[in-house]
Amino acid sequence: MKIAIASDHAGYQMKEFLKPFIRDLGHEVHDFGAHSEDPVDYPDTGREVAVRVASGEFDRGIVVCATGIGMSIVANKIPGIRAALCTDVVCARLTREHNDTNVLAIGARVTGSEIAKEIVKTWLAAEFAGGRHARRVQKIADIEREYCSRRQ
């Protein structure tokens, strides 16, 4: 898979730690910043990943900030994105199986690096279960379409 990844300055070290791990799992990784620990606003880098995933240029995205909350909020503002902040492997698996998430958010200051690796590995390996979950994901898309069209 083609994976887009980004962080803010707080998530920089975790992002750098995860990139070779994701490559070792056999995936292509493209880094959209931050490129150092110099301050950067998470909406800028998180948006870039979400837009690229929503466009189909990348299969999935991973975003990292201090808690993962800000990045997940930003990503979910982009139509077509279903981002989830995951703090354990059960959530990582279920958010793919039940919600067909396409962006994973991780909190660098609240999630240890080894558990972050397991979360990423689980999330990348898990597949959407479809069935009753497909109906629910479609309802999410319908809500998104309804409210996005009202803004125009």
Protein backbone atom coordinates (compact mmCIF):
# COMPACT_ATOMS: atom_id res chain seq x y z
CA MET A 1 0.00 0.00 0.00
CA LYS A 2 0.93 3.64 -0.45
CA ILE A 3 0.90 5.34 2.95
CA ALA A 4 0.92 9.10 3.49
CA ILE A 5 2.34 10.11 6.87
CA ALA A 6 2.66 13.42 8.68
CA SER A 7 3.18 14.91 12.10
CA ASP A 8 3.54 18.18 13.88
CA HIS A 9 6.69 18.96 15.88
CA ALA A 10 5.39 16.99 18.89
CA GLY A 11 4.90 13.89 16.76
CA TYR A 12 8.07 14.24 14.71
CA GLN A 13 10.16 11.67 16.60
CA MET A 14 7.33 9.10 16.59
CA LYS A 15 6.77 9.62 12.86
CA GLU A 16 10.46 9.13 12.17
CA PHE A 17 10.41 5.99 14.32
CA LEU A 18 7.40 4.56 12.45
CA LYS A 19 8.50 5.24 8.86
CA PRO A 20 11.14 2.48 8.56
CA PHE A 21 8.86 0.08 10.41
CA ILE A 22 6.07 0.69 7.88
CA ARG A 23 8.54 0.24 5.01
CA ASP A 24 9.74 -3.03 6.59
CA LEU A 25 6.12 -4.20 6.53
CA GLY A 26 6.30 -3.81 2.74
CA HIS A 27 4.51 -0.50 2.27
CA GLU A 28 5.55 2.63 0.41
CA VAL A 29 5.71 5.68 2.69
CA HIS A 30 5.60 9.37 1.71
CA ASP A 31 6.34 11.95 4.41
CA PHE A 32 4.38 15.22 4.33
CA GLY A 33 6.17 16.80 7.31
CA ALA A 34 7.07 17.94 9.83
CA HIS A 35 10.70 17.58 8.84
CA SER A 36 12.15 18.59 12.19
CA GLU A 37 11.13 19.41 15.75
CA ASP A 38 10.77 23.09 14.83
CA PRO A 39 7.22 24.27 15.58
CA VAL A 40 4.65 23.54 12.88
CA ASP A 41 0.86 23.68 13.03
CA TYR A 42 -0.75 20.24 12.93
CA PRO A 43 -3.67 21.41 10.71
CA ASP A 44 -1.23 22.07 7.87
CA THR A 45 0.43 18.66 7.79
CA GLY A 46 -2.68 16.69 8.81
CA ARG A 47 -4.74 18.31 6.06
CA GLU A 48 -2.13 17.37 3.46
CA VAL A 49 -2.34 13.68 4.37
CA ALA A 50 -6.14 13.68 4.46
CA VAL A 51 -6.48 15.43 1.10
CA ARG A 52 -4.05 13.00 -0.53
CA VAL A 53 -5.88 9.96 0.87
CA ALA A 54 -9.31 11.35 -0.05
CA SER A 55 -8.11 11.96 -3.61
CA GLY A 56 -7.02 8.34 -3.96
CA GLU A 57 -3.36 9.22 -4.43
CA PHE A 58 -2.58 7.25 -1.26
CA ASP A 59 -4.32 4.16 0.10
CA ARG A 60 -4.19 5.22 3.74
CA GLY A 61 -2.73 7.89 5.96
CA ILE A 62 -1.13 8.08 9.38
CA VAL A 63 -0.99 11.32 11.35
CA VAL A 64 0.85 11.96 14.61
CA CYS A 65 0.65 14.84 17.06
CA ALA A 66 0.99 15.12 20.84
CA THR A 67 -2.31 13.39 21.65
CA GLY A 68 -3.59 12.45 18.19
CA ILE A 69 -6.79 14.39 18.89
CA GLY A 70 -5.98 17.49 16.84
CA MET A 71 -4.82 15.48 13.85
CA SER A 72 -7.92 13.28 13.92
CA ILE A 73 -10.17 16.36 14.03
CA VAL A 74 -8.36 17.93 11.08
CA ALA A 75 -8.40 14.76 8.98
CA ASN A 76 -12.12 14.23 9.57
CA LYS A 77 -12.88 17.67 8.12
CA ILE A 78 -11.92 16.40 4.67
CA PRO A 79 -14.82 14.71 2.81
CA GLY A 80 -14.17 11.01 2.31
CA ILE A 81 -11.92 10.64 5.31
CA ARG A 82 -12.75 8.40 8.23
CA ALA A 83 -9.95 9.03 10.71
CA ALA A 84 -9.65 7.35 14.09
CA LEU A 85 -7.40 8.00 17.04
CA CYS A 86 -6.26 4.59 18.27
CA THR A 87 -4.57 3.88 21.58
CA ASP A 88 -4.54 0.09 21.46
CA VAL A 89 -4.54 -2.77 18.96
CA VAL A 90 -8.18 -3.73 19.56
CA CYS A 91 -9.35 -0.28 18.50
CA ALA A 92 -6.93 -0.34 15.56
CA ARG A 93 -8.38 -3.62 14.28
CA LEU A 94 -12.01 -2.76 14.91
CA THR A 95 -11.82 0.71 13.39
CA ARG A 96 -10.69 -0.90 10.12
CA GLU A 97 -13.10 -3.84 10.29
CA HIS A 98 -16.17 -1.86 11.36
CA ASN A 99 -15.56 1.71 10.19
CA ASP A 100 -13.30 1.24 7.15
CA THR A 101 -11.03 3.99 8.44
CA ASN A 102 -8.51 5.36 6.00
CA VAL A 103 -6.51 7.60 8.36
CA LEU A 104 -4.96 6.53 11.66
CA ALA A 105 -4.11 9.11 14.32
CA ILE A 106 -1.57 8.42 17.05
CA GLY A 107 -0.63 10.51 20.08
CA ALA A 108 3.14 10.62 20.46
CA ARG A 109 3.04 11.91 24.02
CA VAL A 110 0.46 9.39 25.22
CA THR A 111 1.36 6.23 23.29
CA GLY A 112 4.63 4.38 23.71
CA SER A 113 6.68 3.66 20.61
CA GLU A 114 6.38 -0.13 20.81
CA ILE A 115 2.60 -0.08 21.21
CA ALA A 116 2.45 2.48 18.37
CA LYS A 117 4.22 -0.06 16.14
CA GLU A 118 1.69 -2.73 17.07
CA ILE A 119 -1.21 -0.33 16.46
CA VAL A 120 0.16 0.56 13.01
CA LYS A 121 0.86 -3.07 12.11
CA THR A 122 -2.63 -4.15 13.18
CA TRP A 123 -4.36 -1.24 11.44
CA LEU A 124 -2.49 -1.78 8.17
CA ALA A 125 -3.21 -5.52 8.17
CA ALA A 126 -6.90 -5.32 9.06
CA GLU A 127 -9.53 -5.33 6.34
CA PHE A 128 -13.03 -3.86 6.22
CA ALA A 129 -15.57 -6.54 7.19
CA GLY A 130 -18.38 -5.14 5.03
CA GLY A 131 -21.82 -6.63 5.69
CA ARG A 132 -23.81 -4.66 8.25
CA HIS A 133 -20.82 -2.35 8.65
CA ALA A 134 -21.03 -1.29 4.99
CA ARG A 135 -24.54 0.04 5.59
CA ARG A 136 -23.29 2.09 8.52
CA VAL A 137 -20.28 3.47 6.67
CA GLN A 138 -22.63 4.43 3.83
CA LYS A 139 -24.79 6.31 6.32
CA ILE A 140 -21.71 8.24 7.44
CA ALA A 141 -20.99 9.13 3.81
CA ASP A 142 -24.61 10.22 3.33
CA ILE A 143 -24.42 12.52 6.37
CA GLU A 144 -21.14 13.95 5.11
CA ARG A 145 -22.60 14.58 1.65
CA GLU A 146 -25.73 16.21 3.10
CA TYR A 147 -23.88 18.63 5.38
CA CYS A 148 -21.05 19.42 2.98
CA SER A 149 -23.56 20.36 0.25
CA ARG A 150 -25.34 22.73 2.69
CA ARG A 151 -22.16 24.79 3.13
CA GLN A 152 -21.93 25.68 -0.55
